[in-house]
Amino acid sequence: MRAVWLREFGGPEVLVPGPAPDPVPGPGQVLVEVAHANITFVETMFRATGFGPFAATLPVIPGNGVGGTITGVGPGVDPALVGRRVVSATGGSGGYAERVVVDQGAPIPVPDGLPLDAAVALLADGRTALMLARAAALRPGERVLVEAAAGGVGGLLTQLATAAGARVVAAAGGPRKVALLRGRGLDPVVDYREPDWTDHVRAAVGGVDVVFDGVGGPLARAAFDLLDRGGRMLSFGLASGAWADLPEEEATARGVALVRAGGTPDELRALTEQALAEGAAGRLRPLIGQRFPLDRAADAHAAIESRATVGKTLLDVR
């Protein structure tokens, strides 16, 4: 089968297409014919440095999320699963390939009416956005600042916050992304690359009640300073390359909370199922901003690292 190999850590060019043995499902496993592979920012960091939650010995086929069709089952697995459209985590590796084998309990059925590519776009980002919104306990009328609002998770958070009755302030980096967000009906929208971006937020809504921080670094600190007493800050990304450095003591002194979002494996699976159901119902609409064929995985990583991407980036395998 076709796959993409990582044999050494480094720039995007270390992702090299090449053949790989066809995986065979063992007892309790299923074979998924991959149509689309998910790409996350964390995967680009792993490729560059080995950093991240993926424990893998090189060489390895990267990729931790796929969508496709079950085409084979191992011993002890119900053959009725064959033909089912699913999305699935892969356990940290193997996703940038035409086929992948996973435990039979890993795949999540894709609801009728939801395209596979949209399901893959919701696999990680939808679960994360729902988890963050739940942890924030959003209330009608609250002012919610969403950083990286043109990204995969950020774009979904703007939808969830709006549905909760909040006043959303969308922040993104650069005129193209600002224009995209305005075109999707968001207002106000600010460009956090401008030095006075926080002044624009204050002019529009005063302070804010909730910050969804997808950037980290100094920008997270500036967003933190916008929080009014009783506010909550939730960090979900480090597009700047560093997590937000915000001491708990300082937050307590200001009367704001640094909220950690999380869940058990069963809760995270339930959130993924909920995201897919919301997508099928049209209430959660992922933006697939760019797509690359499998053998151009290196170009996909380069695009993400350049901060040129919007929404979700997918590898189209078939």
Protein backbone atom coordinates (compact mmCIF):
# COMPACT_ATOMS: atom_id res chain seq x y z
CA MET A 1 0.00 0.00 0.00
CA ARG A 2 0.95 3.66 -0.29
CA ALA A 3 2.03 5.44 2.87
CA VAL A 4 4.10 8.36 4.16
CA TRP A 5 7.19 7.59 6.26
CA LEU A 6 8.97 9.55 8.96
CA ARG A 7 12.52 8.21 9.29
CA GLU A 8 14.13 11.18 11.02
CA PHE A 9 12.89 14.27 12.81
CA GLY A 10 13.19 17.55 10.94
CA GLY A 11 11.45 19.85 8.48
CA PRO A 12 8.40 18.89 6.42
CA GLU A 13 10.68 17.36 3.78
CA VAL A 14 11.41 14.39 6.10
CA LEU A 15 7.89 13.11 5.33
CA VAL A 16 8.57 10.82 2.38
CA PRO A 17 5.99 8.80 0.42
CA GLY A 18 6.80 5.13 -0.02
CA PRO A 19 5.40 1.61 0.00
CA ALA A 20 4.44 -0.17 3.20
CA PRO A 21 3.21 -3.69 3.94
CA ASP A 22 -0.55 -4.10 3.89
CA PRO A 23 -1.76 -4.40 7.49
CA VAL A 24 -3.69 -7.53 8.43
CA PRO A 25 -6.28 -7.46 11.21
CA GLY A 26 -5.56 -9.81 14.08
CA PRO A 27 -7.93 -11.09 16.76
CA GLY A 28 -10.27 -8.32 17.89
CA GLN A 29 -9.16 -5.93 15.14
CA VAL A 30 -10.64 -4.37 12.00
CA LEU A 31 -9.10 -3.13 8.76
CA VAL A 32 -10.08 0.37 7.64
CA GLU A 33 -9.67 1.49 4.02
CA VAL A 34 -8.70 5.13 4.56
CA ALA A 35 -10.38 7.89 2.57
CA HIS A 36 -9.12 10.90 4.56
CA ALA A 37 -6.46 11.41 7.21
CA ASN A 38 -6.61 14.12 9.82
CA ILE A 39 -3.59 16.41 10.38
CA THR A 40 -3.10 18.27 13.65
CA PHE A 41 -0.64 20.94 14.73
CA VAL A 42 0.75 18.56 17.35
CA GLU A 43 1.70 16.15 14.56
CA THR A 44 3.84 18.83 12.94
CA MET A 45 5.63 19.34 16.26
CA PHE A 46 6.19 15.60 16.61
CA ARG A 47 7.61 15.42 13.09
CA ALA A 48 9.97 18.30 13.79
CA THR A 49 11.26 17.34 17.23
CA GLY A 50 9.71 14.12 18.50
CA PHE A 51 7.71 16.22 20.98
CA GLY A 52 4.17 15.21 21.77
CA PRO A 53 1.97 12.42 23.07
CA PHE A 54 2.93 9.95 20.36
CA ALA A 55 5.35 7.32 21.60
CA ALA A 56 6.89 5.96 18.42
CA THR A 57 10.18 4.43 17.33
CA LEU A 58 11.47 5.62 13.97
CA PRO A 59 10.85 4.81 11.21
CA VAL A 60 7.11 5.29 11.61
CA ILE A 61 4.06 6.13 9.54
CA PRO A 62 2.61 9.23 11.31
CA GLY A 63 -1.05 10.08 11.71
CA ASN A 64 -3.52 9.58 14.54
CA GLY A 65 -6.94 10.05 12.93
CA VAL A 66 -8.61 8.62 9.85
CA GLY A 67 -11.96 8.19 8.20
CA GLY A 68 -12.91 5.43 5.83
CA THR A 69 -14.72 2.12 5.44
CA ILE A 70 -14.18 -1.13 7.32
CA THR A 71 -13.16 -3.67 4.69
CA GLY A 72 -11.94 -6.57 6.81
CA VAL A 73 -12.15 -8.05 10.30
CA GLY A 74 -9.92 -10.30 12.35
CA PRO A 75 -10.84 -13.47 14.21
CA GLY A 76 -13.60 -13.00 16.75
CA VAL A 77 -14.97 -9.82 15.18
CA ASP A 78 -18.51 -9.51 13.83
CA PRO A 79 -18.28 -9.63 10.00
CA ALA A 80 -21.34 -7.36 9.84
CA LEU A 81 -18.96 -4.46 10.53
CA VAL A 82 -17.61 -4.76 6.99
CA GLY A 83 -18.88 -1.87 4.89
CA ARG A 84 -19.46 0.49 7.82
CA ARG A 85 -18.28 4.09 7.40
CA VAL A 86 -16.21 5.09 10.41
CA VAL A 87 -13.75 7.54 11.87
CA SER A 88 -11.07 6.34 14.22
CA ALA A 89 -8.00 7.24 16.17
CA THR A 90 -5.10 4.97 15.30
CA GLY A 91 -3.23 4.91 18.59
CA GLY A 92 -0.75 7.59 17.57
CA SER A 93 0.65 6.34 14.27
CA GLY A 94 -0.25 4.71 10.98
CA GLY A 95 -2.81 7.23 9.73
CA TYR A 96 -0.93 8.60 6.69
CA ALA A 97 -1.59 5.43 4.70
CA GLU A 98 -4.14 3.74 2.49
CA ARG A 99 -5.09 1.20 5.16
CA VAL A 100 -4.87 0.95 8.91
CA VAL A 101 -5.67 -1.73 11.48
CA VAL A 102 -7.27 -0.71 14.80
CA ASP A 103 -8.95 -2.48 17.70
CA GLN A 104 -12.59 -3.22 16.97
CA GLY A 105 -13.74 -0.83 19.72
CA ALA A 106 -11.84 2.16 18.33
CA PRO A 107 -13.89 3.14 15.25
CA ILE A 108 -16.93 5.40 15.64
CA PRO A 109 -19.75 5.03 13.09
CA VAL A 110 -20.35 8.04 10.86
CA PRO A 111 -24.03 9.08 10.85
CA ASP A 112 -25.97 8.97 7.61
CA GLY A 113 -25.89 12.30 5.83
CA LEU A 114 -22.48 13.34 7.15
CA PRO A 115 -19.74 13.18 4.51
CA LEU A 116 -16.61 11.29 5.52
CA ASP A 117 -14.38 14.30 5.07
CA ALA A 118 -16.55 16.39 7.41
CA ALA A 119 -16.54 13.53 9.91
CA VAL A 120 -12.74 13.43 9.91
CA ALA A 121 -12.65 17.21 10.34
CA LEU A 122 -14.83 16.76 13.45
CA LEU A 123 -12.98 13.73 14.83
CA ALA A 124 -10.47 15.62 16.99
CA ASP A 125 -11.58 19.23 16.60
CA GLY A 126 -15.27 18.63 17.29
CA ARG A 127 -14.55 16.62 20.41
CA THR A 128 -12.12 19.28 21.64
CA ALA A 129 -14.50 22.17 20.98
CA LEU A 130 -17.38 20.45 22.77
CA MET A 131 -15.13 19.57 25.71
CA LEU A 132 -13.97 23.19 26.03
CA ALA A 133 -17.48 24.61 25.73
CA ARG A 134 -18.71 22.20 28.39
CA ALA A 135 -15.87 23.11 30.75
CA ALA A 136 -16.48 26.84 30.21
CA ALA A 137 -20.16 26.50 31.15
CA LEU A 138 -21.12 29.28 28.74
CA ARG A 139 -24.10 31.46 29.63
CA PRO A 140 -26.30 33.67 27.43
CA GLY A 141 -25.04 37.22 27.14
CA GLU A 142 -21.45 36.45 28.09
CA ARG A 143 -18.65 37.99 26.07
CA VAL A 144 -16.44 35.24 24.66
CA LEU A 145 -13.08 35.82 22.99
CA VAL A 146 -12.00 33.02 20.68
CA GLU A 147 -8.35 33.13 19.61
CA ALA A 148 -7.31 31.35 16.42
CA ALA A 149 -10.96 31.62 15.40
CA ALA A 150 -10.12 30.77 11.78
CA GLY A 151 -8.64 27.42 12.84
CA GLY A 152 -10.34 24.06 13.12
CA VAL A 153 -11.15 24.13 16.84
CA GLY A 154 -11.56 27.90 16.99
CA GLY A 155 -14.09 27.97 14.19
CA LEU A 156 -16.22 25.36 15.93
CA LEU A 157 -15.96 27.24 19.23
CA THR A 158 -17.40 30.36 17.61
CA GLN A 159 -20.41 28.29 16.54
CA LEU A 160 -20.90 26.71 19.97
CA ALA A 161 -20.56 30.03 21.79
CA THR A 162 -23.00 31.72 19.43
CA ALA A 163 -25.48 28.86 19.89
CA ALA A 164 -25.16 29.31 23.67
CA GLY A 165 -26.27 32.93 23.30
CA ALA A 166 -22.84 34.48 23.93
CA ARG A 167 -21.43 37.60 22.30
CA VAL A 168 -18.47 36.27 20.33
CA VAL A 169 -15.31 38.24 19.60
CA ALA A 170 -13.29 36.35 16.98
CA ALA A 171 -9.53 36.90 16.85
CA ALA A 172 -7.29 35.70 14.02
CA GLY A 173 -3.90 36.45 12.55
CA GLY A 174 -3.79 38.43 9.31
CA PRO A 175 -6.21 40.21 6.95
CA ARG A 176 -7.13 37.05 5.00
CA LYS A 177 -8.34 35.24 8.09
CA VAL A 178 -10.13 38.31 9.40
CA ALA A 179 -11.97 38.63 6.08
CA LEU A 180 -12.86 34.93 6.15
CA LEU A 181 -14.41 35.23 9.61
CA ARG A 182 -16.38 38.32 8.67
CA GLY A 183 -17.60 36.50 5.59
CA ARG A 184 -18.90 33.76 7.87
CA GLY A 185 -21.02 36.30 9.73
CA LEU A 186 -18.84 36.97 12.77
CA ASP A 187 -18.65 40.45 14.27
CA PRO A 188 -16.60 41.85 15.88
CA VAL A 189 -13.43 40.34 14.43
CA VAL A 190 -9.94 41.52 15.39
CA ASP A 191 -6.48 40.88 13.95
CA TYR A 192 -4.21 39.84 16.81
CA ARG A 193 -1.14 40.63 14.74
CA GLU A 194 -1.94 44.31 15.18
CA PRO A 195 -0.27 45.75 18.30
CA ASP A 196 -3.46 47.46 19.47
CA TRP A 197 -5.77 44.49 18.97
CA THR A 198 -6.83 44.42 22.61
CA ASP A 199 -7.94 48.05 22.32
CA HIS A 200 -10.30 46.99 19.54
CA VAL A 201 -11.74 44.27 21.77
CA ARG A 202 -12.33 46.73 24.61
CA ALA A 203 -13.91 49.24 22.25
CA ALA A 204 -16.32 46.56 21.01
CA VAL A 205 -17.34 44.76 24.22
CA GLY A 206 -15.34 46.17 27.14
CA GLY A 207 -13.78 43.25 28.99
CA VAL A 208 -14.58 39.60 28.33
CA ASP A 209 -16.00 36.79 30.43
CA VAL A 210 -14.40 33.81 28.69
CA VAL A 211 -11.19 33.38 26.69
CA PHE A 212 -10.59 30.32 24.53
CA ASP A 213 -6.83 30.47 24.02
CA GLY A 214 -5.57 28.64 20.97
CA VAL A 215 -2.32 30.57 20.54
CA GLY A 216 -0.47 30.67 23.86
CA GLY A 217 2.67 32.73 24.46
CA PRO A 218 2.48 36.53 24.83
CA LEU A 219 -0.85 36.70 23.04
CA ALA A 220 -2.43 34.53 25.72
CA ARG A 221 -1.17 36.95 28.35
CA ALA A 222 -2.76 39.89 26.50
CA ALA A 223 -6.05 37.99 26.26
CA PHE A 224 -5.85 37.08 29.96
CA ASP A 225 -5.62 40.79 30.80
CA LEU A 226 -8.97 41.35 29.03
CA LEU A 227 -10.84 39.12 31.48
CA ASP A 228 -13.21 40.78 33.91
CA ARG A 229 -13.60 39.48 37.45
CA GLY A 230 -15.39 36.15 37.44
CA GLY A 231 -14.01 35.32 34.00
CA ARG A 232 -12.64 31.98 32.81
CA MET A 233 -9.69 31.18 30.58
CA LEU A 234 -9.27 27.87 28.77
CA SER A 235 -6.17 27.03 26.73
CA PHE A 236 -6.38 24.51 23.90
CA GLY A 237 -3.48 25.30 21.57
CA LEU A 238 -0.02 26.70 21.19
CA ALA A 239 0.07 28.13 17.67
CA SER A 240 2.76 30.50 18.94
CA GLY A 241 4.94 27.52 19.85
CA ALA A 242 4.49 27.86 23.62
CA TRP A 243 1.65 27.31 26.07
CA ALA A 244 0.24 30.24 28.01
CA ASP A 245 2.39 31.05 31.06
CA LEU A 246 -0.20 32.26 33.55
CA PRO A 247 0.42 31.71 37.28
CA GLU A 248 -2.55 30.33 39.19
CA GLU A 249 -1.88 32.79 42.02
CA GLU A 250 -2.24 35.76 39.68
CA ALA A 251 -5.51 34.45 38.33
CA THR A 252 -6.84 33.96 41.86
CA ALA A 253 -5.81 37.50 42.84
CA ARG A 254 -7.69 38.86 39.81
CA GLY A 255 -10.77 36.78 40.55
CA VAL A 256 -10.58 34.74 37.35
CA ALA A 257 -10.29 31.01 36.81
CA LEU A 258 -7.84 29.03 34.69
CA VAL A 259 -10.10 26.17 33.64
CA ARG A 260 -8.64 22.82 32.59
CA ALA A 261 -10.77 20.82 30.19
CA GLY A 262 -10.57 17.05 30.05
CA GLY A 263 -12.44 13.80 30.30
CA THR A 264 -12.23 10.05 30.66
CA PRO A 265 -11.82 7.91 27.51
CA ASP A 266 -15.53 7.09 27.63
CA GLU A 267 -16.44 10.77 27.97
CA LEU A 268 -14.17 11.72 25.06
CA ARG A 269 -15.72 9.04 22.88
CA ALA A 270 -19.18 10.32 23.79
CA LEU A 271 -18.12 13.86 22.86
CA THR A 272 -16.86 12.61 19.49
CA GLU A 273 -20.17 10.87 18.86
CA GLN A 274 -21.97 14.07 19.84
CA ALA A 275 -19.81 16.12 17.46
CA LEU A 276 -20.63 13.77 14.58
CA ALA A 277 -24.34 13.90 15.42
CA GLU A 278 -24.26 17.70 15.55
CA GLY A 279 -22.44 17.72 12.21
CA ALA A 280 -25.03 15.42 10.64
CA ALA A 281 -27.79 17.70 11.93
CA GLY A 282 -26.08 20.76 10.43
CA ARG A 283 -25.53 22.42 13.80
CA LEU A 284 -21.75 22.02 13.76
CA ARG A 285 -20.12 22.92 10.47
CA PRO A 286 -16.40 22.25 10.11
CA LEU A 287 -14.45 24.33 7.62
CA ILE A 288 -12.09 22.21 5.53
CA GLY A 289 -9.75 24.94 4.41
CA GLN A 290 -7.20 22.93 2.45
CA ARG A 291 -6.71 19.40 1.20
CA PHE A 292 -3.63 17.58 -0.03
CA PRO A 293 -3.17 14.18 -1.66
CA LEU A 294 -1.42 11.57 0.49
CA ASP A 295 1.94 11.90 -1.25
CA ARG A 296 2.00 15.64 -0.48
CA ALA A 297 1.86 15.26 3.31
CA ALA A 298 5.08 17.31 3.49
CA ASP A 299 3.33 20.23 1.75
CA ALA A 300 0.43 19.94 4.18
CA HIS A 301 2.77 20.17 7.17
CA ALA A 302 4.59 23.13 5.62
CA ALA A 303 1.30 24.96 5.06
CA ILE A 304 0.23 24.44 8.69
CA GLU A 305 3.58 25.61 10.02
CA SER A 306 3.48 28.74 7.84
CA ARG A 307 0.23 29.76 9.58
CA ALA A 308 -1.31 30.05 6.11
CA THR A 309 -4.04 27.48 6.72
CA VAL A 310 -7.63 28.04 7.79
CA GLY A 311 -9.98 25.50 9.31
CA LYS A 312 -9.02 21.85 9.03
CA THR A 313 -6.28 20.43 6.83
CA LEU A 314 -6.92 16.95 5.43
CA LEU A 315 -4.98 14.37 3.48
CA ASP A 316 -7.21 12.93 0.77
CA VAL A 317 -6.10 9.32 0.42
CA ARG A 318 -8.76 8.26 -2.08
